[in-house]
C-alpha cells in the first residue's frame, strides 16, 4: 500500500514538472524583441496588473503600458486590447490602463479596446480570441509571465509574439516567479483537459471592424 502511494505521488510530481516544462519551452519560442517584429498584428494585448491606492498603475503595470506604447510607435500594430480586472466598481484596472495609454500615446480612442473581465491570463487570452476575434497578436507582459500567455495563445489559435516589459527591478518579483509555476500547471490542465469558459463571455466585438469606445463600460 505504501509503495503504491509513493509511486502515485512520484508519477504526479513527474507529470506536474513535465507539464510546467512544456508550457515554459513552447511559450518561450515566441518571445522576441520590438526590433524583430515584422507582423501586422490585429492587436497589442496588454495584460493587467495591480493599481495603486491613488489610482495610478503599479510599477509592473506601468512598464507593461510603456512597452506597449513602444510597440505601437514601431508601426507594427495600430490597436490595443487592455485586459484586466474590473470585477467591482471600486477597482478598475482597465480604465487606469486606458488613461495611461491615451495620455502617453498618439492613438485614436476608437483603437483602444477594453477587456473588463480579464480576471486571469486564461480569461484574457480566451476572450481575445472569442470576443475580440484576434488572429494575430503581440502580447505584452513580464518575462516570467510571457511563456504561459504565449502557450495559451497558441493553443487557442492565436498567432502571437511576446515582448517582455521588464524595465526595472520589482518588489516581490521572486514570489511572483514562484507562483507562476503553479499557474503554468493550472493552465496546462485548463487548456488541455478541462477547457472551461471564462467567467464572462458575451457578444463579439471584432477589433478589425469595431470601435473601441463600445467597450468603455462593458463587463
N, C-alpha and C. Protein backbone atom coordinates (compact mmCIF):
# COMPACT_ATOMS: atom_id res chain seq x y z
N UNK A 1 0.83 -1.20 0.00
CA UNK A 1 0.00 0.00 0.00
C UNK A 1 0.87 1.26 0.00
N UNK A 2 1.87 1.27 0.91
CA UNK A 2 2.75 2.44 0.99
C UNK A 2 3.52 2.63 -0.31
N UNK A 3 3.98 1.51 -0.88
CA UNK A 3 4.71 1.60 -2.15
C UNK A 3 3.83 2.17 -3.25
N UNK A 4 2.57 1.78 -3.30
CA UNK A 4 1.62 2.27 -4.31
C UNK A 4 1.42 3.77 -4.16
N UNK A 5 1.29 4.22 -2.91
CA UNK A 5 1.11 5.66 -2.66
C UNK A 5 2.35 6.43 -3.10
N UNK A 6 3.52 5.90 -2.78
CA UNK A 6 4.76 6.57 -3.16
C UNK A 6 4.88 6.65 -4.68
N UNK A 7 4.55 5.56 -5.36
CA UNK A 7 4.60 5.54 -6.82
C UNK A 7 3.63 6.56 -7.41
N UNK A 8 2.43 6.63 -6.84
CA UNK A 8 1.41 7.58 -7.32
C UNK A 8 1.89 9.02 -7.13
N UNK A 9 2.47 9.28 -5.96
CA UNK A 9 2.99 10.62 -5.71
C UNK A 9 4.12 10.96 -6.68
N UNK A 10 5.00 9.98 -6.90
CA UNK A 10 6.12 10.19 -7.82
C UNK A 10 5.62 10.50 -9.23
N UNK A 11 4.65 9.74 -9.70
CA UNK A 11 4.09 9.96 -11.04
C UNK A 11 3.43 11.33 -11.14
N UNK A 12 2.74 11.71 -10.08
CA UNK A 12 2.06 13.02 -10.07
C UNK A 12 3.07 14.15 -10.13
N UNK A 13 4.14 14.03 -9.35
CA UNK A 13 5.17 15.07 -9.33
C UNK A 13 5.87 15.16 -10.69
N UNK A 14 6.22 14.02 -11.24
CA UNK A 14 6.89 14.00 -12.55
C UNK A 14 5.97 14.59 -13.62
N UNK A 15 4.69 14.24 -13.55
CA UNK A 15 3.73 14.78 -14.52
C UNK A 15 3.59 16.28 -14.40
N UNK A 16 3.56 16.78 -13.17
CA UNK A 16 3.45 18.23 -12.96
C UNK A 16 4.67 18.95 -13.49
N UNK A 17 5.85 18.41 -13.21
CA UNK A 17 7.09 19.03 -13.71
C UNK A 17 7.12 19.03 -15.23
N UNK A 18 6.68 17.92 -15.83
CA UNK A 18 6.66 17.83 -17.29
C UNK A 18 5.71 18.86 -17.90
N UNK A 19 4.55 19.03 -17.27
CA UNK A 19 3.58 20.00 -17.77
C UNK A 19 4.13 21.42 -17.72
N UNK A 20 4.78 21.76 -16.62
CA UNK A 20 5.38 23.08 -16.48
C UNK A 20 6.46 23.29 -17.53
N UNK A 21 7.27 22.27 -17.78
CA UNK A 21 8.34 22.39 -18.78
C UNK A 21 7.78 22.57 -20.18
N UNK A 22 6.66 21.91 -20.47
CA UNK A 22 6.02 22.05 -21.79
C UNK A 22 5.55 23.48 -22.00
N UNK A 23 4.88 24.02 -20.99
CA UNK A 23 4.40 25.41 -21.09
C UNK A 23 5.58 26.36 -21.27
N UNK A 24 6.61 26.18 -20.46
CA UNK A 24 7.77 27.06 -20.50
C UNK A 24 8.49 26.99 -21.85
N UNK A 25 8.78 25.78 -22.28
CA UNK A 25 9.55 25.59 -23.51
C UNK A 25 8.79 26.08 -24.74
N UNK A 26 7.52 25.72 -24.84
CA UNK A 26 6.74 26.11 -26.01
C UNK A 26 6.46 27.60 -26.03
N UNK A 27 6.18 28.17 -24.87
CA UNK A 27 5.90 29.60 -24.83
C UNK A 27 7.09 30.46 -25.14
N UNK A 28 8.28 30.03 -24.69
CA UNK A 28 9.49 30.83 -24.90
C UNK A 28 9.84 30.99 -26.37
N UNK A 29 9.38 30.08 -27.21
CA UNK A 29 9.74 30.11 -28.63
C UNK A 29 9.30 31.41 -29.30
N UNK A 30 8.24 32.02 -28.81
CA UNK A 30 7.68 33.20 -29.48
C UNK A 30 7.94 34.50 -28.73
N UNK A 31 8.91 34.48 -27.81
CA UNK A 31 9.35 35.73 -27.18
C UNK A 31 10.38 36.38 -28.09
N UNK A 32 10.18 37.65 -28.38
CA UNK A 32 11.06 38.33 -29.33
C UNK A 32 11.34 39.75 -28.85
N UNK A 33 11.87 40.58 -29.73
CA UNK A 33 12.15 41.98 -29.41
C UNK A 33 11.33 42.87 -30.33
N UNK A 34 11.19 44.11 -29.93
CA UNK A 34 10.43 45.05 -30.77
C UNK A 34 11.08 45.19 -32.14
N UNK A 35 12.40 45.21 -32.17
CA UNK A 35 13.13 45.38 -33.43
C UNK A 35 12.89 44.22 -34.39
N UNK A 36 12.56 43.05 -33.84
CA UNK A 36 12.38 41.86 -34.68
C UNK A 36 10.94 41.65 -35.14
N UNK A 37 10.04 42.47 -34.64
CA UNK A 37 8.64 42.31 -35.03
C UNK A 37 8.46 42.72 -36.49
N UNK A 38 7.77 41.90 -37.25
CA UNK A 38 7.50 42.25 -38.64
C UNK A 38 6.07 41.93 -39.05
N UNK A 39 5.27 41.48 -38.07
CA UNK A 39 3.90 41.12 -38.41
C UNK A 39 2.97 42.32 -38.29
N UNK A 40 1.93 42.31 -39.07
CA UNK A 40 0.88 43.31 -38.96
C UNK A 40 -0.20 42.71 -38.06
N UNK A 41 -0.05 42.87 -36.77
CA UNK A 41 -0.93 42.20 -35.80
C UNK A 41 -2.29 42.87 -35.72
N UNK A 42 -3.27 42.09 -35.30
CA UNK A 42 -4.62 42.63 -35.07
C UNK A 42 -4.64 43.54 -33.86
N UNK A 43 -3.87 43.19 -32.84
CA UNK A 43 -3.91 43.97 -31.60
C UNK A 43 -2.66 43.75 -30.77
N UNK A 44 -2.32 44.77 -30.00
CA UNK A 44 -1.33 44.67 -28.94
C UNK A 44 -2.11 44.37 -27.67
N UNK A 45 -1.94 43.19 -27.13
CA UNK A 45 -2.66 42.80 -25.92
C UNK A 45 -1.78 43.08 -24.71
N UNK A 46 -2.28 43.95 -23.82
CA UNK A 46 -1.56 44.28 -22.59
C UNK A 46 -2.28 43.60 -21.43
N UNK A 47 -1.58 42.73 -20.74
CA UNK A 47 -2.17 42.00 -19.62
C UNK A 47 -2.06 42.83 -18.35
N UNK A 48 -3.15 42.91 -17.62
CA UNK A 48 -3.24 43.79 -16.47
C UNK A 48 -2.41 43.35 -15.28
N UNK A 49 -2.25 44.29 -14.35
CA UNK A 49 -1.56 44.04 -13.08
C UNK A 49 -2.14 45.05 -12.08
N UNK A 50 -1.55 45.12 -10.92
CA UNK A 50 -2.14 45.92 -9.85
C UNK A 50 -2.17 47.41 -10.11
N UNK A 51 -3.11 48.06 -9.42
CA UNK A 51 -3.24 49.51 -9.44
C UNK A 51 -3.03 50.03 -8.02
N UNK A 52 -2.31 51.12 -7.88
CA UNK A 52 -2.03 51.69 -6.57
C UNK A 52 -3.28 52.32 -5.96
N UNK A 53 -3.24 52.58 -4.67
CA UNK A 53 -4.38 53.17 -3.97
C UNK A 53 -4.76 54.54 -4.51
N UNK A 54 -3.77 55.25 -5.06
CA UNK A 54 -4.05 56.58 -5.60
C UNK A 54 -4.61 56.54 -7.03
N UNK A 55 -4.81 55.32 -7.56
CA UNK A 55 -5.39 55.19 -8.88
C UNK A 55 -4.38 55.18 -10.01
N UNK A 56 -3.11 55.17 -9.69
CA UNK A 56 -2.08 55.11 -10.73
C UNK A 56 -1.64 53.66 -10.91
N UNK A 57 -1.08 53.33 -12.07
CA UNK A 57 -0.64 51.95 -12.29
C UNK A 57 0.54 51.59 -11.41
N UNK A 58 0.58 50.34 -10.98
CA UNK A 58 1.75 49.84 -10.26
C UNK A 58 2.96 49.88 -11.17
N UNK A 59 4.16 49.71 -10.60
CA UNK A 59 5.37 49.74 -11.42
C UNK A 59 5.32 48.69 -12.53
N UNK A 60 4.88 47.48 -12.18
CA UNK A 60 4.79 46.41 -13.17
C UNK A 60 3.82 46.78 -14.28
N UNK A 61 2.66 47.31 -13.91
CA UNK A 61 1.66 47.67 -14.92
C UNK A 61 2.13 48.85 -15.77
N UNK A 62 2.72 49.83 -15.15
CA UNK A 62 3.22 50.98 -15.91
C UNK A 62 4.24 50.55 -16.96
N UNK A 63 5.11 49.63 -16.59
CA UNK A 63 6.13 49.20 -17.55
C UNK A 63 5.53 48.36 -18.68
N UNK A 64 4.47 47.61 -18.39
CA UNK A 64 3.77 46.91 -19.47
C UNK A 64 3.17 47.92 -20.44
N UNK A 65 2.60 48.99 -19.90
CA UNK A 65 1.98 50.00 -20.76
C UNK A 65 3.03 50.78 -21.54
N UNK A 66 4.13 51.10 -20.90
CA UNK A 66 5.23 51.79 -21.61
C UNK A 66 5.74 50.94 -22.77
N UNK A 67 5.91 49.66 -22.52
CA UNK A 67 6.40 48.75 -23.56
C UNK A 67 5.39 48.65 -24.70
N UNK A 68 4.11 48.59 -24.35
CA UNK A 68 3.06 48.53 -25.38
C UNK A 68 3.09 49.77 -26.27
N UNK A 69 3.34 50.91 -25.66
CA UNK A 69 3.41 52.16 -26.44
C UNK A 69 4.62 52.13 -27.37
N UNK A 70 5.74 51.58 -26.91
CA UNK A 70 6.90 51.42 -27.79
C UNK A 70 6.57 50.54 -28.99
N UNK A 71 5.86 49.46 -28.75
CA UNK A 71 5.45 48.58 -29.84
C UNK A 71 4.54 49.33 -30.81
N UNK A 72 3.58 50.05 -30.27
CA UNK A 72 2.67 50.84 -31.12
C UNK A 72 3.46 51.83 -31.97
N UNK A 73 4.40 52.52 -31.35
CA UNK A 73 5.18 53.54 -32.07
C UNK A 73 6.09 52.93 -33.13
N UNK A 74 6.35 51.63 -33.03
CA UNK A 74 7.18 50.97 -34.05
C UNK A 74 6.41 50.75 -35.35
N UNK A 75 5.09 50.88 -35.30
CA UNK A 75 4.28 50.82 -36.50
C UNK A 75 3.78 49.45 -36.90
N UNK A 76 3.99 48.43 -36.07
CA UNK A 76 3.56 47.08 -36.45
C UNK A 76 2.10 46.80 -36.13
N UNK A 77 1.49 47.66 -35.34
CA UNK A 77 0.10 47.44 -34.96
C UNK A 77 -0.53 48.76 -34.51
N UNK A 78 -1.81 48.94 -34.82
CA UNK A 78 -2.46 50.22 -34.53
C UNK A 78 -3.54 50.13 -33.46
N UNK A 79 -3.75 48.94 -32.87
CA UNK A 79 -4.84 48.77 -31.91
C UNK A 79 -4.35 48.09 -30.63
N UNK A 80 -5.00 48.50 -29.53
CA UNK A 80 -4.69 47.93 -28.23
C UNK A 80 -5.89 47.16 -27.70
N UNK A 81 -5.63 46.04 -27.01
CA UNK A 81 -6.61 45.42 -26.12
C UNK A 81 -6.00 45.46 -24.73
N UNK A 82 -6.64 46.19 -23.84
CA UNK A 82 -6.17 46.33 -22.47
C UNK A 82 -7.02 45.43 -21.60
N UNK A 83 -6.43 44.37 -21.08
CA UNK A 83 -7.19 43.33 -20.39
C UNK A 83 -6.82 43.28 -18.92
N UNK A 84 -7.82 43.47 -18.06
CA UNK A 84 -7.54 43.47 -16.63
C UNK A 84 -8.78 43.25 -15.80
N UNK A 85 -8.63 43.45 -14.53
CA UNK A 85 -9.68 43.18 -13.54
C UNK A 85 -10.54 44.42 -13.31
N UNK A 86 -11.81 44.29 -13.67
CA UNK A 86 -12.81 45.31 -13.31
C UNK A 86 -14.02 44.56 -12.77
N UNK A 87 -13.77 43.78 -11.73
CA UNK A 87 -14.81 42.93 -11.18
C UNK A 87 -15.71 43.63 -10.19
N UNK A 88 -15.32 44.85 -9.79
CA UNK A 88 -16.16 45.62 -8.88
C UNK A 88 -15.97 47.10 -9.18
N UNK A 89 -16.94 47.92 -8.78
CA UNK A 89 -16.89 49.34 -9.11
C UNK A 89 -15.69 50.04 -8.52
N UNK A 90 -15.25 49.60 -7.36
CA UNK A 90 -14.18 50.27 -6.65
C UNK A 90 -12.78 49.92 -7.17
N UNK A 91 -12.70 48.98 -8.10
CA UNK A 91 -11.40 48.58 -8.62
C UNK A 91 -11.50 48.37 -10.12
N UNK A 92 -10.76 49.17 -10.88
CA UNK A 92 -10.90 49.17 -12.33
C UNK A 92 -9.54 49.31 -12.99
N UNK A 93 -8.88 48.19 -13.22
CA UNK A 93 -7.56 48.23 -13.85
C UNK A 93 -7.61 48.81 -15.24
N UNK A 94 -8.63 48.44 -16.01
CA UNK A 94 -8.61 48.79 -17.43
C UNK A 94 -8.81 50.29 -17.67
N UNK A 95 -9.56 50.97 -16.82
CA UNK A 95 -9.71 52.41 -17.00
C UNK A 95 -8.41 53.13 -16.71
N UNK A 96 -7.65 52.63 -15.73
CA UNK A 96 -6.33 53.18 -15.43
C UNK A 96 -5.39 52.94 -16.60
N UNK A 97 -5.47 51.75 -17.17
CA UNK A 97 -4.63 51.41 -18.31
C UNK A 97 -4.95 52.30 -19.51
N UNK A 98 -6.24 52.49 -19.77
CA UNK A 98 -6.63 53.32 -20.91
C UNK A 98 -6.18 54.76 -20.72
N UNK A 99 -6.38 55.30 -19.52
CA UNK A 99 -5.98 56.68 -19.26
C UNK A 99 -4.48 56.86 -19.52
N UNK A 100 -3.69 55.90 -19.10
CA UNK A 100 -2.24 55.98 -19.32
C UNK A 100 -1.92 55.95 -20.81
N UNK A 101 -2.53 55.04 -21.53
CA UNK A 101 -2.28 54.93 -22.97
C UNK A 101 -2.69 56.21 -23.69
N UNK A 102 -3.87 56.71 -23.41
CA UNK A 102 -4.36 57.91 -24.09
C UNK A 102 -3.48 59.12 -23.78
N UNK A 103 -3.01 59.22 -22.54
CA UNK A 103 -2.21 60.37 -22.13
C UNK A 103 -0.77 60.31 -22.62
N UNK A 104 -0.32 59.13 -23.00
CA UNK A 104 1.10 58.98 -23.36
C UNK A 104 1.34 58.45 -24.76
N UNK A 105 0.28 58.35 -25.53
CA UNK A 105 0.41 57.75 -26.86
C UNK A 105 -0.53 58.46 -27.83
N UNK A 106 -0.05 58.70 -29.04
CA UNK A 106 -0.85 59.36 -30.07
C UNK A 106 -1.70 58.33 -30.79
N UNK A 107 -2.74 57.85 -30.09
CA UNK A 107 -3.62 56.83 -30.65
C UNK A 107 -5.07 57.31 -30.54
N UNK A 108 -5.86 56.99 -31.56
CA UNK A 108 -7.27 57.34 -31.50
C UNK A 108 -8.00 56.43 -30.52
N UNK A 109 -8.94 57.00 -29.76
CA UNK A 109 -9.66 56.20 -28.75
C UNK A 109 -10.39 55.03 -29.37
N UNK A 110 -10.81 55.16 -30.61
CA UNK A 110 -11.55 54.07 -31.25
C UNK A 110 -10.67 52.82 -31.42
N UNK A 111 -9.36 53.00 -31.32
CA UNK A 111 -8.44 51.88 -31.47
C UNK A 111 -7.98 51.29 -30.14
N UNK A 112 -8.61 51.71 -29.05
CA UNK A 112 -8.28 51.19 -27.72
C UNK A 112 -9.47 50.40 -27.20
N UNK A 113 -9.31 49.09 -27.09
CA UNK A 113 -10.38 48.19 -26.65
C UNK A 113 -10.11 47.75 -25.21
N UNK A 114 -11.16 47.74 -24.40
CA UNK A 114 -11.03 47.36 -23.00
C UNK A 114 -11.68 46.01 -22.75
N UNK A 115 -10.93 45.12 -22.14
CA UNK A 115 -11.46 43.84 -21.69
C UNK A 115 -11.59 43.90 -20.18
N UNK A 116 -12.80 44.19 -19.71
CA UNK A 116 -13.05 44.39 -18.28
C UNK A 116 -13.02 43.09 -17.49
N UNK A 117 -13.08 41.97 -18.16
CA UNK A 117 -13.18 40.68 -17.47
C UNK A 117 -11.92 39.83 -17.65
N UNK A 118 -10.78 40.49 -17.71
CA UNK A 118 -9.51 39.77 -17.79
C UNK A 118 -9.03 39.40 -16.40
N UNK A 119 -9.78 38.54 -15.73
CA UNK A 119 -9.50 38.20 -14.34
C UNK A 119 -8.31 37.26 -14.19
N UNK A 120 -7.91 36.64 -15.27
CA UNK A 120 -6.76 35.74 -15.26
C UNK A 120 -6.15 35.75 -16.65
N UNK A 121 -4.95 35.23 -16.76
CA UNK A 121 -4.31 35.13 -18.07
C UNK A 121 -5.15 34.26 -19.00
N UNK A 122 -5.65 33.16 -18.49
CA UNK A 122 -6.51 32.27 -19.28
C UNK A 122 -7.73 33.01 -19.81
N UNK A 123 -8.40 33.75 -18.94
CA UNK A 123 -9.58 34.51 -19.36
C UNK A 123 -9.23 35.56 -20.41
N UNK A 124 -8.12 36.26 -20.20
CA UNK A 124 -7.72 37.33 -21.12
C UNK A 124 -7.48 36.78 -22.53
N UNK A 125 -6.75 35.68 -22.62
CA UNK A 125 -6.43 35.12 -23.93
C UNK A 125 -7.67 34.50 -24.57
N UNK A 126 -8.46 33.81 -23.78
CA UNK A 126 -9.70 33.21 -24.28
C UNK A 126 -10.61 34.29 -24.85
N UNK A 127 -10.78 35.38 -24.12
CA UNK A 127 -11.67 36.46 -24.57
C UNK A 127 -11.08 37.21 -25.78
N UNK A 128 -9.76 37.31 -25.85
CA UNK A 128 -9.14 37.93 -27.02
C UNK A 128 -9.54 37.19 -28.29
N UNK A 129 -9.57 35.87 -28.21
CA UNK A 129 -9.94 35.05 -29.35
C UNK A 129 -11.45 35.04 -29.57
N UNK A 130 -12.22 34.82 -28.51
CA UNK A 130 -13.66 34.60 -28.63
C UNK A 130 -14.46 35.89 -28.79
N UNK A 131 -14.12 36.91 -28.03
CA UNK A 131 -14.87 38.17 -28.05
C UNK A 131 -14.30 39.13 -29.10
N UNK A 132 -12.99 39.32 -29.08
CA UNK A 132 -12.37 40.32 -29.95
C UNK A 132 -11.90 39.74 -31.28
N UNK A 133 -12.03 38.43 -31.44
CA UNK A 133 -11.73 37.73 -32.70
C UNK A 133 -10.31 38.01 -33.20
N UNK A 134 -9.37 37.97 -32.29
CA UNK A 134 -7.97 38.21 -32.62
C UNK A 134 -7.37 36.95 -33.24
N UNK A 135 -6.70 37.11 -34.35
CA UNK A 135 -5.99 36.02 -35.01
C UNK A 135 -4.48 36.16 -34.86
N UNK A 136 -4.00 37.40 -34.90
CA UNK A 136 -2.58 37.69 -34.76
C UNK A 136 -2.40 38.74 -33.68
N UNK A 137 -1.47 38.50 -32.75
CA UNK A 137 -1.35 39.41 -31.62
C UNK A 137 0.09 39.59 -31.20
N UNK A 138 0.32 40.70 -30.52
CA UNK A 138 1.56 40.94 -29.80
C UNK A 138 1.17 41.06 -28.34
N UNK A 139 1.72 40.19 -27.51
CA UNK A 139 1.35 40.16 -26.10
C UNK A 139 2.44 40.82 -25.27
N UNK A 140 2.03 41.74 -24.41
CA UNK A 140 2.95 42.48 -23.57
C UNK A 140 2.74 42.10 -22.11
N UNK A 141 3.78 41.59 -21.48
CA UNK A 141 3.76 41.32 -20.05
C UNK A 141 5.20 41.06 -19.61
N UNK A 142 5.37 40.70 -18.35
CA UNK A 142 6.72 40.47 -17.84
C UNK A 142 7.30 39.15 -18.34
N UNK A 143 8.61 39.06 -18.35
CA UNK A 143 9.29 37.90 -18.93
C UNK A 143 8.86 36.59 -18.27
N UNK A 144 8.70 36.60 -16.94
CA UNK A 144 8.34 35.36 -16.25
C UNK A 144 6.93 34.89 -16.64
N UNK A 145 6.12 35.81 -17.09
CA UNK A 145 4.70 35.57 -17.39
C UNK A 145 4.46 35.23 -18.86
N UNK A 146 5.36 35.66 -19.72
CA UNK A 146 5.15 35.52 -21.16
C UNK A 146 4.99 34.08 -21.65
N UNK A 147 5.80 33.12 -21.20
CA UNK A 147 5.65 31.77 -21.74
C UNK A 147 4.24 31.21 -21.59
N UNK A 148 3.62 31.43 -20.44
CA UNK A 148 2.26 30.91 -20.23
C UNK A 148 1.26 31.62 -21.14
N UNK A 149 1.37 32.93 -21.23
CA UNK A 149 0.45 33.68 -22.08
C UNK A 149 0.57 33.25 -23.54
N UNK A 150 1.80 33.06 -24.00
CA UNK A 150 2.03 32.66 -25.39
C UNK A 150 1.61 31.21 -25.64
N UNK A 151 1.83 30.35 -24.67
CA UNK A 151 1.40 28.96 -24.79
C UNK A 151 -0.13 28.90 -24.92
N UNK A 152 -0.82 29.64 -24.07
CA UNK A 152 -2.28 29.67 -24.14
C UNK A 152 -2.75 30.23 -25.48
N UNK A 153 -2.10 31.29 -25.94
CA UNK A 153 -2.49 31.88 -27.23
C UNK A 153 -2.38 30.87 -28.36
N UNK A 154 -1.26 30.16 -28.40
CA UNK A 154 -1.06 29.16 -29.45
C UNK A 154 -2.13 28.07 -29.39
N UNK A 155 -2.41 27.59 -28.19
CA UNK A 155 -3.40 26.52 -28.02
C UNK A 155 -4.80 26.99 -28.38
N UNK A 156 -5.04 28.30 -28.27
CA UNK A 156 -6.36 28.84 -28.59
C UNK A 156 -6.45 29.33 -30.03
N UNK A 157 -5.39 29.16 -30.79
CA UNK A 157 -5.44 29.51 -32.20
C UNK A 157 -5.06 30.93 -32.54
N UNK A 158 -4.32 31.57 -31.64
CA UNK A 158 -3.84 32.93 -31.91
C UNK A 158 -2.35 32.86 -32.25
N UNK A 159 -1.98 33.44 -33.37
CA UNK A 159 -0.57 33.55 -33.74
C UNK A 159 0.00 34.76 -33.00
N UNK A 160 0.80 34.51 -31.98
CA UNK A 160 1.24 35.61 -31.12
C UNK A 160 2.74 35.63 -30.93
N UNK A 161 3.27 36.85 -30.84
CA UNK A 161 4.63 37.08 -30.39
C UNK A 161 4.57 37.81 -29.05
N UNK A 162 5.57 37.62 -28.22
CA UNK A 162 5.57 38.26 -26.91
C UNK A 162 6.74 39.19 -26.73
N UNK A 163 6.49 40.32 -26.08
CA UNK A 163 7.52 41.29 -25.77
C UNK A 163 7.60 41.46 -24.27
N UNK A 164 8.79 41.28 -23.72
CA UNK A 164 8.99 41.44 -22.28
C UNK A 164 8.93 42.91 -21.89
N UNK A 165 8.27 43.17 -20.76
CA UNK A 165 8.11 44.55 -20.29
C UNK A 165 8.99 44.86 -19.09
N UNK A 166 9.98 44.02 -18.81
CA UNK A 166 10.83 44.24 -17.64
C UNK A 166 11.78 45.41 -17.86
N UNK A 167 11.46 46.53 -17.26
CA UNK A 167 12.26 47.74 -17.43
C UNK A 167 13.08 48.03 -16.18
N UNK A 168 12.58 47.61 -15.01
CA UNK A 168 13.27 47.89 -13.74
C UNK A 168 13.15 46.67 -12.83
N UNK A 169 13.69 46.77 -11.64
CA UNK A 169 13.53 45.72 -10.64
C UNK A 169 12.21 45.93 -9.91
N UNK A 170 11.55 44.84 -9.55
CA UNK A 170 10.22 44.92 -8.93
C UNK A 170 10.22 44.24 -7.57
N UNK A 171 9.49 44.85 -6.64
CA UNK A 171 9.30 44.23 -5.34
C UNK A 171 8.55 42.91 -5.50
N UNK A 172 8.93 41.93 -4.73
CA UNK A 172 8.24 40.64 -4.67
C UNK A 172 8.32 39.84 -5.97
N UNK A 173 9.23 40.21 -6.88
CA UNK A 173 9.27 39.53 -8.17
C UNK A 173 9.59 38.04 -8.02
N UNK A 174 10.40 37.68 -7.03
CA UNK A 174 10.74 36.27 -6.85
C UNK A 174 9.53 35.45 -6.42
N UNK A 175 8.66 36.05 -5.61
CA UNK A 175 7.44 35.33 -5.21
C UNK A 175 6.50 35.20 -6.40
N UNK A 176 6.46 36.22 -7.26
CA UNK A 176 5.63 36.13 -8.47
C UNK A 176 6.12 34.98 -9.35
N UNK A 177 7.44 34.86 -9.48
CA UNK A 177 8.00 33.79 -10.32
C UNK A 177 7.67 32.41 -9.74
N UNK A 178 7.72 32.30 -8.44
CA UNK A 178 7.40 31.02 -7.80
C UNK A 178 5.94 30.65 -8.02
N UNK A 179 5.05 31.60 -7.85
CA UNK A 179 3.63 31.36 -8.05
C UNK A 179 3.31 31.05 -9.50
N UNK A 180 4.13 31.58 -10.40
CA UNK A 180 3.90 31.37 -11.82
C UNK A 180 3.99 29.89 -12.19
N UNK A 181 4.84 29.14 -11.52
CA UNK A 181 4.96 27.71 -11.82
C UNK A 181 3.64 26.99 -11.56
N UNK A 182 2.98 27.33 -10.47
CA UNK A 182 1.68 26.73 -10.18
C UNK A 182 0.64 27.18 -11.21
N UNK A 183 0.73 28.44 -11.62
CA UNK A 183 -0.20 28.95 -12.63
C UNK A 183 0.02 28.24 -13.97
N UNK A 184 1.26 27.94 -14.30
CA UNK A 184 1.55 27.21 -15.54
C UNK A 184 0.94 25.82 -15.50
N UNK A 185 1.05 25.17 -14.36
CA UNK A 185 0.46 23.84 -14.21
C UNK A 185 -1.06 23.91 -14.32
N UNK A 186 -1.65 24.88 -13.65
CA UNK A 186 -3.11 25.04 -13.69
C UNK A 186 -3.60 25.26 -15.13
N UNK A 187 -2.94 26.17 -15.84
CA UNK A 187 -3.41 26.49 -17.19
C UNK A 187 -3.11 25.38 -18.19
N UNK A 188 -2.07 24.59 -17.93
CA UNK A 188 -1.84 23.40 -18.76
C UNK A 188 -3.04 22.46 -18.65
N UNK A 189 -3.52 22.25 -17.44
CA UNK A 189 -4.68 21.39 -17.22
C UNK A 189 -5.92 22.02 -17.84
N UNK A 190 -6.08 23.32 -17.66
CA UNK A 190 -7.24 24.01 -18.21
C UNK A 190 -7.31 23.85 -19.73
N UNK A 191 -6.21 24.19 -20.42
CA UNK A 191 -6.27 24.27 -21.87
C UNK A 191 -6.25 22.90 -22.53
N UNK A 192 -5.68 21.91 -21.87
CA UNK A 192 -5.58 20.59 -22.47
C UNK A 192 -6.64 19.60 -22.01
N UNK A 193 -7.22 19.83 -20.84
CA UNK A 193 -8.15 18.86 -20.30
C UNK A 193 -9.53 19.45 -19.99
N UNK A 194 -9.59 20.45 -19.16
CA UNK A 194 -10.88 20.95 -18.67
C UNK A 194 -11.57 21.91 -19.64
N UNK A 195 -10.79 22.78 -20.26
CA UNK A 195 -11.28 23.77 -21.23
C UNK A 195 -12.48 24.56 -20.70
N UNK A 196 -12.40 25.15 -19.52
CA UNK A 196 -13.52 25.93 -19.01
C UNK A 196 -13.70 27.24 -19.77
N UNK A 197 -14.92 27.76 -19.81
CA UNK A 197 -15.16 29.09 -20.35
C UNK A 197 -14.78 30.12 -19.29
N UNK A 198 -14.42 31.33 -19.71
CA UNK A 198 -14.15 32.39 -18.73
C UNK A 198 -15.41 32.72 -17.92
N UNK A 199 -15.22 33.47 -16.86
CA UNK A 199 -16.35 33.86 -16.01
C UNK A 199 -17.40 34.63 -16.81
N UNK A 200 -16.93 35.50 -17.72
CA UNK A 200 -17.83 36.27 -18.58
C UNK A 200 -17.44 36.08 -20.04
N UNK A 201 -18.43 35.91 -20.89
CA UNK A 201 -18.23 35.99 -22.33
C UNK A 201 -19.11 37.12 -22.86
N UNK A 202 -19.87 36.90 -23.92
CA UNK A 202 -20.71 37.97 -24.45
C UNK A 202 -20.66 38.01 -25.95
N UNK A 203 -21.23 39.07 -26.50
CA UNK A 203 -21.27 39.24 -27.95
C UNK A 203 -19.88 39.60 -28.48
N UNK A 204 -19.64 39.22 -29.72
CA UNK A 204 -18.35 39.50 -30.35
C UNK A 204 -18.16 41.00 -30.58
N UNK A 205 -16.93 41.45 -30.39
CA UNK A 205 -16.54 42.83 -30.69
C UNK A 205 -15.24 42.75 -31.48
N UNK A 206 -15.31 42.42 -32.77
CA UNK A 206 -14.08 42.22 -33.55
C UNK A 206 -13.21 43.48 -33.59
N UNK A 207 -11.94 43.35 -33.27
CA UNK A 207 -11.07 44.52 -33.32
C UNK A 207 -10.90 45.03 -34.74
N UNK A 208 -11.09 44.15 -35.69
CA UNK A 208 -10.88 44.54 -37.09
C UNK A 208 -11.94 45.49 -37.62
N UNK A 209 -13.12 45.46 -37.01
CA UNK A 209 -14.23 46.24 -37.59
C UNK A 209 -15.03 47.02 -36.57
N UNK A 210 -14.64 47.03 -35.31
CA UNK A 210 -15.41 47.68 -34.26
C UNK A 210 -14.72 48.95 -33.77
N UNK A 211 -15.48 49.74 -33.01
CA UNK A 211 -14.97 50.95 -32.39
C UNK A 211 -14.69 50.63 -30.92
N UNK A 212 -13.47 50.87 -30.49
CA UNK A 212 -13.08 50.54 -29.13
C UNK A 212 -13.91 51.23 -28.07
N UNK A 213 -14.51 52.37 -28.39
CA UNK A 213 -15.33 53.07 -27.40
C UNK A 213 -16.54 52.27 -26.97
N UNK A 214 -16.92 51.27 -27.80
CA UNK A 214 -18.05 50.39 -27.43
C UNK A 214 -17.71 49.60 -26.16
N UNK A 215 -16.46 49.48 -25.84
CA UNK A 215 -16.06 48.64 -24.71
C UNK A 215 -15.82 49.42 -23.42
N UNK A 216 -16.04 50.72 -23.45
CA UNK A 216 -15.67 51.55 -22.30
C UNK A 216 -16.33 51.12 -21.00
N UNK A 217 -17.60 50.73 -21.04
CA UNK A 217 -18.31 50.40 -19.81
C UNK A 217 -18.82 48.98 -19.77
N UNK A 218 -18.41 48.14 -20.72
CA UNK A 218 -18.91 46.77 -20.77
C UNK A 218 -18.16 45.90 -19.77
N UNK A 219 -18.83 44.84 -19.29
CA UNK A 219 -18.20 43.83 -18.43
C UNK A 219 -17.93 42.59 -19.27
